[in-house]
Amino acid sequence: MTENVVCTGAINAVKEVWEERIKKHNEDVKREKEFQHKLVRIWEDRVSLTKLREKVTREDGRVVLKIEKEEWKTLPSSLLKLNQLQEWQLHRTGLLKIPEFIGRFQNLIVLDLSRNTISEIPRGIGLLIRLQELILSYNKIKTVPKELSNCASLEKLELAVNRDISDLPPELSKLLRLTHLDLSMNNFTTIPLAVLNMPALEWLDMGSNNLQQLPDSLERMQSLHTLWLQRNVITCLPETIKNMKNLGTLVLSNNKLQDIPGCMEEMTNLRFVNFRDNPLRLEVTLPPSDNTEGEDEQELFGLQFMRAYIQESRRTDDQVNGLALPISIHSDG
């Protein structure tokens, strides 16, 4: 009996020794693999940094990182060694995300990452207080963080062709220097309140969305001179549009407009309008122009058409009310 106990105890002791040795060996192997992986990462980062340095140029006095049609799905942390960069131009690289460390590039003036596969804008973007242009068109972004409102120097923002953006945080109205905004080809059903309250906005493209109507508060955008609203489902225009005194270009082609409000005659600064491909209730034909240049102007600008339409609309309404007056349509507007 005693011999069996001694034998069992010796076996257990040997087993524990071997288990301890195996455990230590496995830990050593794991540490070695981690060390090897670390060396590989360090080497890859050095190689990537060397490649990135080769893409740095100077344009218009700026230090620019310029990459086109090369695969860079992620950007290595070693990029931080190039924190003097003032502009990024990374197009068609397959970039999946904007690095979280983007906020450490305090010298950035232009960030152009269009035509990639970016799905998210990191909150750290708000740390770029010198950023003037942010171009993220042709990506897969769905939401915009409120932290973007901290980019106090931002003048140009392009988010076109992301398809799924449907709203903007109201905080973006704090972008007091923003003059250019492109939201075309997304999923907006109304003009966001943030956009209506942007005080310096001069150029706005919301074409190819799902806008059904324009708010009466559209008149808040007093600095706006160009408004693109083509390819939406807008059915009518608010009377307040006449108060947009600086508006010079208005594109409303391919909508569901049935009428042109008479108040638009008061918009004396309009230089370019387009009502093509709308189911307007009246058919108005302008007299032929004396020269080809004039015909092009009639076709493309639509100002004469708009004025003639309003005139014809009033004449038709007067007839309906039994107050028909002889009004002629002049080709000179």
C-alpha atoms as a PDB file:
ATOM      1  CA  MET A   1       0.000   0.000   0.000  1.00  0.00           C
ATOM      2  CA  THR A   2       2.801   2.359   0.989  1.00  0.00           C
ATOM      3  CA  GLU A   3       4.701   1.511  -2.183  1.00  0.00           C
ATOM      4  CA  ASN A   4       1.673   2.412  -4.316  1.00  0.00           C
ATOM      5  CA  VAL A   5       1.317   5.788  -2.615  1.00  0.00           C
ATOM      6  CA  VAL A   6       5.004   6.552  -3.105  1.00  0.00           C
ATOM      7  CA  CYS A   7       4.824   5.543  -6.767  1.00  0.00           C
ATOM      8  CA  THR A   8       1.733   7.654  -7.388  1.00  0.00           C
ATOM      9  CA  GLY A   9       3.323  10.636  -5.655  1.00  0.00           C
ATOM     10  CA  ALA A  10       6.465  10.335  -7.785  1.00  0.00           C
ATOM     11  CA  ILE A  11       4.404  10.178 -10.993  1.00  0.00           C
ATOM     12  CA  ASN A  12       2.403  13.267 -10.005  1.00  0.00           C
ATOM     13  CA  ALA A  13       5.602  15.133  -9.206  1.00  0.00           C
ATOM     14  CA  VAL A  14       7.078  14.288 -12.586  1.00  0.00           C
ATOM     15  CA  LYS A  15       3.798  15.253 -14.287  1.00  0.00           C
ATOM     16  CA  GLU A  16       3.757  18.656 -12.566  1.00  0.00           C
ATOM     17  CA  VAL A  17       7.375  19.264 -13.619  1.00  0.00           C
ATOM     18  CA  TRP A  18       6.599  18.442 -17.249  1.00  0.00           C
ATOM     19  CA  GLU A  19       3.375  20.512 -17.226  1.00  0.00           C
ATOM     20  CA  GLU A  20       5.318  23.469 -15.859  1.00  0.00           C
ATOM     21  CA  ARG A  21       8.004  23.016 -18.508  1.00  0.00           C
ATOM     22  CA  ILE A  22       5.369  22.790 -21.287  1.00  0.00           C
ATOM     23  CA  LYS A  23       3.602  25.878 -19.958  1.00  0.00           C
ATOM     24  CA  LYS A  24       6.884  27.812 -19.869  1.00  0.00           C
ATOM     25  CA  HIS A  25       7.777  26.612 -23.352  1.00  0.00           C
ATOM     26  CA  ASN A  26       4.396  27.732 -24.700  1.00  0.00           C
ATOM     27  CA  GLU A  27       4.777  31.133 -23.054  1.00  0.00           C
ATOM     28  CA  ASP A  28       8.258  31.471 -24.548  1.00  0.00           C
ATOM     29  CA  VAL A  29       6.912  30.542 -27.986  1.00  0.00           C
ATOM     30  CA  LYS A  30       4.081  33.063 -27.601  1.00  0.00           C
ATOM     31  CA  ARG A  31       6.499  35.821 -26.568  1.00  0.00           C
ATOM     32  CA  GLU A  32       8.752  34.962 -29.479  1.00  0.00           C
ATOM     33  CA  LYS A  33       5.826  35.140 -31.919  1.00  0.00           C
ATOM     34  CA  GLU A  34       4.724  38.472 -30.457  1.00  0.00           C
ATOM     35  CA  PHE A  35       8.264  39.776 -30.754  1.00  0.00           C
ATOM     36  CA  GLN A  36       8.462  38.575 -34.353  1.00  0.00           C
ATOM     37  CA  HIS A  37       5.106  40.187 -35.147  1.00  0.00           C
ATOM     38  CA  LYS A  38       6.307  43.395 -33.551  1.00  0.00           C
ATOM     39  CA  LEU A  39       9.469  43.338 -35.645  1.00  0.00           C
ATOM     40  CA  VAL A  40       7.350  42.734 -38.765  1.00  0.00           C
ATOM     41  CA  ARG A  41       5.065  45.657 -37.886  1.00  0.00           C
ATOM     42  CA  ILE A  42       8.055  47.904 -37.255  1.00  0.00           C
ATOM     43  CA  TRP A  43       9.554  46.862 -40.570  1.00  0.00           C
ATOM     44  CA  GLU A  44       6.247  47.301 -42.415  1.00  0.00           C
ATOM     45  CA  ASP A  45       5.777  50.739 -40.847  1.00  0.00           C
ATOM     46  CA  ARG A  46       9.269  51.759 -41.923  1.00  0.00           C
ATOM     47  CA  VAL A  47       8.619  50.519 -45.453  1.00  0.00           C
ATOM     48  CA  SER A  48       5.231  52.280 -45.515  1.00  0.00           C
ATOM     49  CA  LEU A  49       6.743  55.499 -44.190  1.00  0.00           C
ATOM     50  CA  THR A  50       9.424  55.360 -46.880  1.00  0.00           C
ATOM     51  CA  LYS A  51       6.722  54.884 -49.533  1.00  0.00           C
ATOM     52  CA  LEU A  52       4.664  57.731 -48.063  1.00  0.00           C
ATOM     53  CA  ARG A  53       7.641  60.066 -48.023  1.00  0.00           C
ATOM     54  CA  GLU A  54       8.048  59.407 -51.737  1.00  0.00           C
ATOM     55  CA  LYS A  55       4.464  60.698 -52.235  1.00  0.00           C
ATOM     56  CA  VAL A  56       5.096  64.030 -50.516  1.00  0.00           C
ATOM     57  CA  THR A  57       5.346  66.996 -52.867  1.00  0.00           C
ATOM     58  CA  ARG A  58       5.010  70.756 -52.741  1.00  0.00           C
ATOM     59  CA  GLU A  59       2.121  72.437 -54.515  1.00  0.00           C
ATOM     60  CA  ASP A  60       1.290  76.123 -54.285  1.00  0.00           C
ATOM     61  CA  GLY A  61       3.672  76.416 -51.361  1.00  0.00           C
ATOM     62  CA  ARG A  62       1.976  73.591 -49.417  1.00  0.00           C
ATOM     63  CA  VAL A  63       3.397  70.269 -48.260  1.00  0.00           C
ATOM     64  CA  VAL A  64       1.112  67.722 -49.938  1.00  0.00           C
ATOM     65  CA  LEU A  65       0.689  63.951 -49.583  1.00  0.00           C
ATOM     66  CA  LYS A  66      -0.627  62.817 -52.958  1.00  0.00           C
ATOM     67  CA  ILE A  67      -1.635  59.215 -53.732  1.00  0.00           C
ATOM     68  CA  GLU A  68      -3.769  58.131 -56.682  1.00  0.00           C
ATOM     69  CA  LYS A  69      -4.921  54.619 -57.671  1.00  0.00           C
ATOM     70  CA  GLU A  70      -2.669  52.758 -55.211  1.00  0.00           C
ATOM     71  CA  GLU A  71      -3.977  50.405 -52.564  1.00  0.00           C
ATOM     72  CA  TRP A  72      -3.833  51.945 -49.094  1.00  0.00           C
ATOM     73  CA  LYS A  73      -6.774  50.471 -47.175  1.00  0.00           C
ATOM     74  CA  THR A  74      -5.293  51.757 -43.906  1.00  0.00           C
ATOM     75  CA  LEU A  75      -2.746  54.406 -43.049  1.00  0.00           C
ATOM     76  CA  PRO A  76       0.099  53.415 -40.673  1.00  0.00           C
ATOM     77  CA  SER A  77       0.729  55.226 -37.410  1.00  0.00           C
ATOM     78  CA  SER A  78       4.209  56.001 -38.737  1.00  0.00           C
ATOM     79  CA  LEU A  79       2.460  58.649 -40.857  1.00  0.00           C
ATOM     80  CA  LEU A  80       2.545  60.790 -37.712  1.00  0.00           C
ATOM     81  CA  LYS A  81       6.204  61.436 -38.478  1.00  0.00           C
ATOM     82  CA  LEU A  82       4.946  63.538 -41.400  1.00  0.00           C
ATOM     83  CA  ASN A  83       2.911  65.869 -39.196  1.00  0.00           C
ATOM     84  CA  GLN A  84       4.127  68.864 -41.189  1.00  0.00           C
ATOM     85  CA  LEU A  85       1.701  67.908 -43.983  1.00  0.00           C
ATOM     86  CA  GLN A  86      -0.729  70.655 -44.963  1.00  0.00           C
ATOM     87  CA  GLU A  87      -2.758  68.739 -47.525  1.00  0.00           C
ATOM     88  CA  TRP A  88      -3.803  65.145 -48.146  1.00  0.00           C
ATOM     89  CA  GLN A  89      -4.949  64.039 -51.600  1.00  0.00           C
ATOM     90  CA  LEU A  90      -5.755  60.320 -51.464  1.00  0.00           C
ATOM     91  CA  HIS A  91      -8.000  59.213 -54.340  1.00  0.00           C
ATOM     92  CA  ARG A  92      -9.077  55.702 -55.372  1.00  0.00           C
ATOM     93  CA  THR A  93      -6.865  54.004 -52.788  1.00  0.00           C
ATOM     94  CA  GLY A  94      -9.547  51.780 -51.249  1.00  0.00           C
ATOM     95  CA  LEU A  95      -9.076  53.584 -47.921  1.00  0.00           C
ATOM     96  CA  LEU A  96     -11.502  52.069 -45.411  1.00  0.00           C
ATOM     97  CA  LYS A  97     -11.269  54.609 -42.616  1.00  0.00           C
ATOM     98  CA  ILE A  98      -9.853  57.942 -41.637  1.00  0.00           C
ATOM     99  CA  PRO A  99      -7.230  57.197 -38.957  1.00  0.00           C
ATOM    100  CA  GLU A 100      -8.198  58.027 -35.387  1.00  0.00           C
ATOM    101  CA  PHE A 101      -4.989  60.035 -35.054  1.00  0.00           C
ATOM    102  CA  ILE A 102      -6.128  62.491 -37.742  1.00  0.00           C
ATOM    103  CA  GLY A 103      -6.577  65.190 -35.076  1.00  0.00           C
ATOM    104  CA  ARG A 104      -2.817  65.317 -34.516  1.00  0.00           C
ATOM    105  CA  PHE A 105      -2.205  66.805 -37.961  1.00  0.00           C
ATOM    106  CA  GLN A 106      -2.672  70.358 -36.767  1.00  0.00           C
ATOM    107  CA  ASN A 107      -1.163  71.847 -39.936  1.00  0.00           C
ATOM    108  CA  LEU A 108      -3.784  70.356 -42.256  1.00  0.00           C
ATOM    109  CA  ILE A 109      -5.524  72.892 -44.500  1.00  0.00           C
ATOM    110  CA  VAL A 110      -7.007  70.518 -47.091  1.00  0.00           C
ATOM    111  CA  LEU A 111      -8.184  66.941 -46.484  1.00  0.00           C
ATOM    112  CA  ASP A 112      -9.300  65.346 -49.756  1.00  0.00           C
ATOM    113  CA  LEU A 113     -10.149  61.645 -49.413  1.00  0.00           C
ATOM    114  CA  SER A 114     -12.741  61.410 -52.184  1.00  0.00           C
ATOM    115  CA  ARG A 115     -13.423  58.207 -54.153  1.00  0.00           C
ATOM    116  CA  ASN A 116     -12.559  55.714 -51.445  1.00  0.00           C
ATOM    117  CA  THR A 117     -14.643  53.373 -49.246  1.00  0.00           C
ATOM    118  CA  ILE A 118     -14.670  55.369 -46.001  1.00  0.00           C
ATOM    119  CA  SER A 119     -17.747  54.627 -43.888  1.00  0.00           C
ATOM    120  CA  GLU A 120     -17.206  56.916 -40.893  1.00  0.00           C
ATOM    121  CA  ILE A 121     -15.850  60.338 -39.989  1.00  0.00           C
ATOM    122  CA  PRO A 122     -13.975  60.127 -36.665  1.00  0.00           C
ATOM    123  CA  ARG A 123     -14.840  62.616 -33.923  1.00  0.00           C
ATOM    124  CA  GLY A 124     -11.178  63.617 -33.841  1.00  0.00           C
ATOM    125  CA  ILE A 125     -11.804  65.557 -37.046  1.00  0.00           C
ATOM    126  CA  GLY A 126     -12.945  68.408 -34.808  1.00  0.00           C
ATOM    127  CA  LEU A 127      -9.377  68.978 -33.650  1.00  0.00           C
ATOM    128  CA  LEU A 128      -8.367  70.290 -37.085  1.00  0.00           C
ATOM    129  CA  ILE A 129      -8.938  73.954 -36.315  1.00  0.00           C
ATOM    130  CA  ARG A 130      -6.950  75.124 -39.372  1.00  0.00           C
ATOM    131  CA  LEU A 131      -8.769  72.886 -41.864  1.00  0.00           C
ATOM    132  CA  GLN A 132     -10.302  74.895 -44.717  1.00  0.00           C
ATOM    133  CA  GLU A 133     -11.432  72.157 -47.120  1.00  0.00           C
ATOM    134  CA  LEU A 134     -12.870  68.725 -46.307  1.00  0.00           C
ATOM    135  CA  ILE A 135     -13.701  66.640 -49.388  1.00  0.00           C
ATOM    136  CA  LEU A 136     -15.210  63.207 -48.743  1.00  0.00           C
ATOM    137  CA  SER A 137     -17.361  62.702 -51.840  1.00  0.00           C
ATOM    138  CA  TYR A 138     -17.812  59.224 -53.355  1.00  0.00           C
ATOM    139  CA  ASN A 139     -17.456  57.261 -50.135  1.00  0.00           C
ATOM    140  CA  LYS A 140     -19.849  55.237 -47.936  1.00  0.00           C
ATOM    141  CA  ILE A 141     -20.447  57.693 -45.104  1.00  0.00           C
ATOM    142  CA  LYS A 142     -23.859  57.580 -43.411  1.00  0.00           C
ATOM    143  CA  THR A 143     -23.566  60.103 -40.580  1.00  0.00           C
ATOM    144  CA  VAL A 144     -21.634  63.273 -39.825  1.00  0.00           C
ATOM    145  CA  PRO A 145     -20.316  63.867 -36.270  1.00  0.00           C
ATOM    146  CA  LYS A 146     -21.243  67.066 -34.432  1.00  0.00           C
ATOM    147  CA  GLU A 147     -17.534  67.524 -33.627  1.00  0.00           C
ATOM    148  CA  LEU A 148     -17.041  68.707 -37.204  1.00  0.00           C
ATOM    149  CA  SER A 149     -18.541  72.004 -36.034  1.00  0.00           C
ATOM    150  CA  ASN A 150     -15.265  72.662 -34.179  1.00  0.00           C
ATOM    151  CA  CYS A 151     -13.406  73.068 -37.481  1.00  0.00           C
ATOM    152  CA  ALA A 152     -13.776  76.837 -37.222  1.00  0.00           C
ATOM    153  CA  SER A 153     -11.744  77.592 -40.368  1.00  0.00           C
ATOM    154  CA  LEU A 154     -13.742  75.289 -42.662  1.00  0.00           C
ATOM    155  CA  GLU A 155     -14.802  77.013 -45.891  1.00  0.00           C
ATOM    156  CA  LYS A 156     -15.573  74.081 -48.195  1.00  0.00           C
ATOM    157  CA  LEU A 157     -17.343  70.803 -47.345  1.00  0.00           C
ATOM    158  CA  GLU A 158     -18.141  68.153 -49.970  1.00  0.00           C
ATOM    159  CA  LEU A 159     -20.079  64.995 -49.062  1.00  0.00           C
ATOM    160  CA  ALA A 160     -21.575  64.232 -52.473  1.00  0.00           C
ATOM    161  CA  VAL A 161     -22.373  60.682 -53.607  1.00  0.00           C
ATOM    162  CA  ASN A 162     -22.279  58.962 -50.249  1.00  0.00           C
ATOM    163  CA  ARG A 163     -25.877  57.842 -50.940  1.00  0.00           C
ATOM    164  CA  ASP A 164     -27.077  57.342 -47.361  1.00  0.00           C
ATOM    165  CA  ILE A 165     -26.523  60.652 -45.543  1.00  0.00           C
ATOM    166  CA  SER A 166     -29.984  61.907 -44.576  1.00  0.00           C
ATOM    167  CA  ASP A 167     -29.343  64.603 -41.968  1.00  0.00           C
ATOM    168  CA  LEU A 168     -26.698  66.862 -40.461  1.00  0.00           C
ATOM    169  CA  PRO A 169     -26.205  67.722 -36.782  1.00  0.00           C
ATOM    170  CA  PRO A 170     -27.591  71.203 -35.951  1.00  0.00           C
ATOM    171  CA  GLU A 171     -24.210  72.126 -34.448  1.00  0.00           C
ATOM    172  CA  LEU A 172     -22.816  72.537 -37.979  1.00  0.00           C
ATOM    173  CA  SER A 173     -24.505  75.944 -38.161  1.00  0.00           C
ATOM    174  CA  LYS A 174     -21.501  77.068 -36.086  1.00  0.00           C
ATOM    175  CA  LEU A 175     -19.336  76.806 -39.199  1.00  0.00           C
ATOM    176  CA  LEU A 176     -19.279  80.564 -39.635  1.00  0.00           C
ATOM    177  CA  ARG A 177     -16.831  80.548 -42.562  1.00  0.00           C
ATOM    178  CA  LEU A 178     -18.410  77.780 -44.630  1.00  0.00           C
ATOM    179  CA  THR A 179     -19.283  79.144 -48.086  1.00  0.00           C
ATOM    180  CA  HIS A 180     -19.383  75.974 -50.232  1.00  0.00           C
ATOM    181  CA  LEU A 181     -21.452  72.856 -49.400  1.00  0.00           C
ATOM    182  CA  ASP A 182     -22.081  69.859 -51.668  1.00  0.00           C
ATOM    183  CA  LEU A 183     -24.633  67.309 -50.405  1.00  0.00           C
ATOM    184  CA  SER A 184     -25.757  65.998 -53.796  1.00  0.00           C
ATOM    185  CA  MET A 185     -26.668  62.347 -54.398  1.00  0.00           C
ATOM    186  CA  ASN A 186     -27.549  61.426 -50.839  1.00  0.00           C
ATOM    187  CA  ASN A 187     -30.835  60.680 -49.076  1.00  0.00           C
ATOM    188  CA  PHE A 188     -32.046  64.040 -47.735  1.00  0.00           C
ATOM    189  CA  THR A 189     -35.818  64.577 -47.683  1.00  0.00           C
ATOM    190  CA  THR A 190     -35.535  68.165 -46.488  1.00  0.00           C
ATOM    191  CA  ILE A 191     -32.890  70.876 -46.237  1.00  0.00           C
ATOM    192  CA  PRO A 192     -31.302  70.392 -42.787  1.00  0.00           C
ATOM    193  CA  LEU A 193     -31.774  73.134 -40.210  1.00  0.00           C
ATOM    194  CA  ALA A 194     -27.989  73.360 -39.885  1.00  0.00           C
ATOM    195  CA  VAL A 195     -27.747  74.336 -43.569  1.00  0.00           C
ATOM    196  CA  LEU A 196     -30.509  76.956 -43.316  1.00  0.00           C
ATOM    197  CA  ASN A 197     -28.636  78.565 -40.425  1.00  0.00           C
ATOM    198  CA  MET A 198     -25.161  78.677 -41.978  1.00  0.00           C
ATOM    199  CA  PRO A 199     -24.552  82.439 -42.112  1.00  0.00           C
ATOM    200  CA  ALA A 200     -21.845  82.596 -44.795  1.00  0.00           C
ATOM    201  CA  LEU A 201     -23.118  79.887 -47.179  1.00  0.00           C
ATOM    202  CA  GLU A 202     -22.897  81.040 -50.808  1.00  0.00           C
ATOM    203  CA  TRP A 203     -22.975  77.805 -52.857  1.00  0.00           C
ATOM    204  CA  LEU A 204     -25.218  74.805 -52.113  1.00  0.00           C
ATOM    205  CA  ASP A 205     -25.802  71.630 -54.133  1.00  0.00           C
ATOM    206  CA  MET A 206     -28.572  69.301 -52.947  1.00  0.00           C
ATOM    207  CA  GLY A 207     -29.298  67.769 -56.321  1.00  0.00           C
ATOM    208  CA  SER A 208     -30.271  64.090 -56.652  1.00  0.00           C
ATOM    209  CA  ASN A 209     -31.773  63.687 -53.191  1.00  0.00           C
ATOM    210  CA  ASN A 210     -35.388  63.105 -52.144  1.00  0.00           C
ATOM    211  CA  LEU A 211     -36.418  66.691 -51.381  1.00  0.00           C
ATOM    212  CA  GLN A 212     -40.202  67.021 -51.598  1.00  0.00           C
ATOM    213  CA  GLN A 213     -40.642  70.646 -50.661  1.00  0.00           C
ATOM    214  CA  LEU A 214     -38.601  73.675 -49.692  1.00  0.00           C
ATOM    215  CA  PRO A 215     -39.188  75.306 -46.293  1.00  0.00           C
ATOM    216  CA  ASP A 216     -40.458  78.873 -45.940  1.00  0.00           C
ATOM    217  CA  SER A 217     -37.288  79.487 -43.906  1.00  0.00           C
ATOM    218  CA  LEU A 218     -35.278  79.072 -47.121  1.00  0.00           C
ATOM    219  CA  GLU A 219     -35.011  82.877 -47.099  1.00  0.00           C
ATOM    220  CA  ARG A 220     -32.628  82.678 -44.122  1.00  0.00           C
ATOM    221  CA  MET A 221     -29.802  81.888 -46.529  1.00  0.00           C
ATOM    222  CA  GLN A 222     -29.259  85.517 -47.456  1.00  0.00           C
ATOM    223  CA  SER A 223     -25.650  85.007 -48.600  1.00  0.00           C
ATOM    224  CA  LEU A 224     -26.571  82.232 -51.044  1.00  0.00           C
ATOM    225  CA  HIS A 225     -25.889  83.012 -54.707  1.00  0.00           C
ATOM    226  CA  THR A 226     -25.980  79.485 -56.208  1.00  0.00           C
ATOM    227  CA  LEU A 227     -28.551  76.772 -55.449  1.00  0.00           C
ATOM    228  CA  TRP A 228     -28.631  73.400 -57.229  1.00  0.00           C
ATOM    229  CA  LEU A 229     -31.797  71.344 -56.625  1.00  0.00           C
ATOM    230  CA  GLN A 230     -31.982  69.215 -59.778  1.00  0.00           C
ATOM    231  CA  ARG A 231     -33.335  65.644 -59.707  1.00  0.00           C
ATOM    232  CA  ASN A 232     -35.506  65.836 -56.614  1.00  0.00           C
ATOM    233  CA  VAL A 233     -39.281  65.526 -56.182  1.00  0.00           C
ATOM    234  CA  ILE A 234     -40.085  69.152 -55.321  1.00  0.00           C
ATOM    235  CA  THR A 235     -43.735  69.990 -56.110  1.00  0.00           C
ATOM    236  CA  CYS A 236     -43.871  73.709 -55.341  1.00  0.00           C
ATOM    237  CA  LEU A 237     -41.741  76.702 -54.369  1.00  0.00           C
ATOM    238  CA  PRO A 238     -42.365  78.847 -51.279  1.00  0.00           C
ATOM    239  CA  GLU A 239     -43.310  82.509 -51.723  1.00  0.00           C
ATOM    240  CA  THR A 240     -40.387  83.415 -49.466  1.00  0.00           C
ATOM    241  CA  ILE A 241     -37.955  82.483 -52.232  1.00  0.00           C
ATOM    242  CA  LYS A 242     -38.394  86.038 -53.545  1.00  0.00           C
ATOM    243  CA  ASN A 243     -36.545  87.314 -50.461  1.00  0.00           C
ATOM    244  CA  MET A 244     -33.307  85.601 -51.483  1.00  0.00           C
ATOM    245  CA  LYS A 245     -31.930  88.819 -52.930  1.00  0.00           C
ATOM    246  CA  ASN A 246     -28.418  87.502 -53.683  1.00  0.00           C
ATOM    247  CA  LEU A 247     -29.520  84.354 -55.510  1.00  0.00           C
ATOM    248  CA  GLY A 248     -28.121  84.407 -59.039  1.00  0.00           C
ATOM    249  CA  THR A 249     -28.254  80.724 -60.084  1.00  0.00           C
ATOM    250  CA  LEU A 250     -31.195  78.397 -59.411  1.00  0.00           C
ATOM    251  CA  VAL A 251     -31.388  74.937 -60.973  1.00  0.00           C
ATOM    252  CA  LEU A 252     -34.696  73.052 -60.588  1.00  0.00           C
ATOM    253  CA  SER A 253     -34.624  70.666 -63.548  1.00  0.00           C
ATOM    254  CA  ASN A 254     -36.108  67.175 -63.189  1.00  0.00           C
ATOM    255  CA  ASN A 255     -38.505  67.879 -60.340  1.00  0.00           C
ATOM    256  CA  LYS A 256     -42.309  67.718 -59.938  1.00  0.00           C
ATOM    257  CA  LEU A 257     -43.073  71.434 -60.184  1.00  0.00           C
ATOM    258  CA  GLN A 258     -46.499  72.243 -61.577  1.00  0.00           C
ATOM    259  CA  ASP A 259     -46.154  76.011 -61.493  1.00  0.00           C
ATOM    260  CA  ILE A 260     -43.697  78.880 -61.275  1.00  0.00           C
ATOM    261  CA  PRO A 261     -44.697  81.425 -58.603  1.00  0.00           C
ATOM    262  CA  GLY A 262     -45.226  84.961 -59.868  1.00  0.00           C
ATOM    263  CA  CYS A 263     -43.159  86.347 -57.016  1.00  0.00           C
ATOM    264  CA  MET A 264     -40.009  85.148 -58.771  1.00  0.00           C
ATOM    265  CA  GLU A 265     -40.271  88.193 -61.039  1.00  0.00           C
ATOM    266  CA  GLU A 266     -39.016  90.174 -58.049  1.00  0.00           C
ATOM    267  CA  MET A 267     -35.729  88.231 -58.003  1.00  0.00           C
ATOM    268  CA  THR A 268     -33.816  90.779 -60.040  1.00  0.00           C
ATOM    269  CA  ASN A 269     -30.381  89.220 -59.412  1.00  0.00           C
ATOM    270  CA  LEU A 270     -31.282  85.904 -61.072  1.00  0.00           C
ATOM    271  CA  ARG A 271     -28.973  85.232 -64.004  1.00  0.00           C
ATOM    272  CA  PHE A 272     -29.464  81.505 -64.546  1.00  0.00           C
ATOM    273  CA  VAL A 273     -32.581  79.396 -63.940  1.00  0.00           C
ATOM    274  CA  ASN A 274     -33.504  75.967 -65.237  1.00  0.00           C
ATOM    275  CA  PHE A 275     -37.042  74.547 -65.077  1.00  0.00           C
ATOM    276  CA  ARG A 276     -36.499  71.839 -67.666  1.00  0.00           C
ATOM    277  CA  ASP A 277     -38.273  68.470 -67.254  1.00  0.00           C
ATOM    278  CA  ASN A 278     -40.981  69.569 -64.805  1.00  0.00           C
ATOM    279  CA  PRO A 279     -44.712  68.805 -65.302  1.00  0.00           C
ATOM    280  CA  LEU A 280     -45.676  72.501 -65.493  1.00  0.00           C
ATOM    281  CA  ARG A 281     -49.421  73.110 -66.000  1.00  0.00           C
ATOM    282  CA  LEU A 282     -48.897  75.592 -68.846  1.00  0.00           C
ATOM    283  CA  GLU A 283     -47.111  75.169 -72.140  1.00  0.00           C
ATOM    284  CA  VAL A 284     -45.211  78.306 -73.076  1.00  0.00           C
ATOM    285  CA  THR A 285     -43.371  78.671 -76.355  1.00  0.00           C
ATOM    286  CA  LEU A 286     -40.987  81.565 -76.817  1.00  0.00           C
ATOM    287  CA  PRO A 287     -40.731  83.344 -80.166  1.00  0.00           C
ATOM    288  CA  PRO A 288     -37.658  82.326 -82.194  1.00  0.00           C
ATOM    289  CA  SER A 289     -34.553  84.341 -81.470  1.00  0.00           C
ATOM    290  CA  ASP A 290     -32.781  86.398 -84.121  1.00  0.00           C
ATOM    291  CA  ASN A 291     -29.456  84.593 -83.613  1.00  0.00           C
ATOM    292  CA  THR A 292     -28.048  81.242 -82.532  1.00  0.00           C
ATOM    293  CA  GLU A 293     -26.486  82.713 -79.412  1.00  0.00           C
ATOM    294  CA  GLY A 294     -29.879  83.920 -78.292  1.00  0.00           C
ATOM    295  CA  GLU A 295     -31.405  80.481 -78.859  1.00  0.00           C
ATOM    296  CA  ASP A 296     -28.724  78.935 -76.655  1.00  0.00           C
ATOM    297  CA  GLU A 297     -29.489  81.487 -73.970  1.00  0.00           C
ATOM    298  CA  GLN A 298     -33.200  80.680 -74.091  1.00  0.00           C
ATOM    299  CA  GLU A 299     -32.550  76.955 -73.920  1.00  0.00           C
ATOM    300  CA  LEU A 300     -29.953  76.958 -71.160  1.00  0.00           C
ATOM    301  CA  PHE A 301     -30.770  79.881 -68.944  1.00  0.00           C
ATOM    302  CA  GLY A 302     -34.551  79.804 -68.927  1.00  0.00           C
ATOM    303  CA  LEU A 303     -34.950  83.388 -67.716  1.00  0.00           C
ATOM    304  CA  GLN A 304     -37.109  84.408 -70.661  1.00  0.00           C
ATOM    305  CA  PHE A 305     -39.125  81.239 -70.261  1.00  0.00           C
ATOM    306  CA  MET A 306     -39.701  81.924 -66.558  1.00  0.00           C
ATOM    307  CA  ARG A 307     -40.888  85.476 -67.199  1.00  0.00           C
ATOM    308  CA  ALA A 308     -43.069  84.420 -70.119  1.00  0.00           C
ATOM    309  CA  TYR A 309     -44.559  81.599 -68.049  1.00  0.00           C
ATOM    310  CA  ILE A 310     -45.464  83.960 -65.201  1.00  0.00           C
ATOM    311  CA  GLN A 311     -47.024  86.381 -67.681  1.00  0.00           C
ATOM    312  CA  GLU A 312     -49.031  83.606 -69.352  1.00  0.00           C
ATOM    313  CA  SER A 313     -50.092  82.257 -65.975  1.00  0.00           C
ATOM    314  CA  ARG A 314     -51.500  85.636 -64.978  1.00  0.00           C
ATOM    315  CA  ARG A 315     -53.319  85.973 -68.297  1.00  0.00           C
ATOM    316  CA  THR A 316     -54.836  82.503 -67.891  1.00  0.00           C
ATOM    317  CA  ASP A 317     -55.903  83.210 -64.317  1.00  0.00           C
ATOM    318  CA  ASP A 318     -57.520  86.470 -65.428  1.00  0.00           C
ATOM    319  CA  GLN A 319     -59.475  84.625 -68.107  1.00  0.00           C
ATOM    320  CA  VAL A 320     -60.686  82.109 -65.569  1.00  0.00           C
ATOM    321  CA  ASN A 321     -61.842  84.962 -63.353  1.00  0.00           C
ATOM    322  CA  GLY A 322     -63.522  86.727 -66.261  1.00  0.00           C
ATOM    323  CA  LEU A 323     -60.920  89.496 -66.287  1.00  0.00           C
ATOM    324  CA  ALA A 324     -58.964  88.592 -69.401  1.00  0.00           C
ATOM    325  CA  LEU A 325     -56.528  91.263 -70.552  1.00  0.00           C
ATOM    326  CA  PRO A 326     -54.521  91.222 -73.816  1.00  0.00           C
ATOM    327  CA  ILE A 327     -50.946  90.427 -72.782  1.00  0.00           C
ATOM    328  CA  SER A 328     -48.244  89.597 -75.294  1.00  0.00           C
ATOM    329  CA  ILE A 329     -45.093  87.545 -74.694  1.00  0.00           C
ATOM    330  CA  HIS A 330     -41.932  89.321 -75.805  1.00  0.00           C
ATOM    331  CA  SER A 331     -38.753  87.465 -76.612  1.00  0.00           C
ATOM    332  CA  ASP A 332     -36.638  90.155 -74.934  1.00  0.00           C
ATOM    333  CA  GLY A 333     -38.008  89.171 -71.455  1.00  0.00           C
END
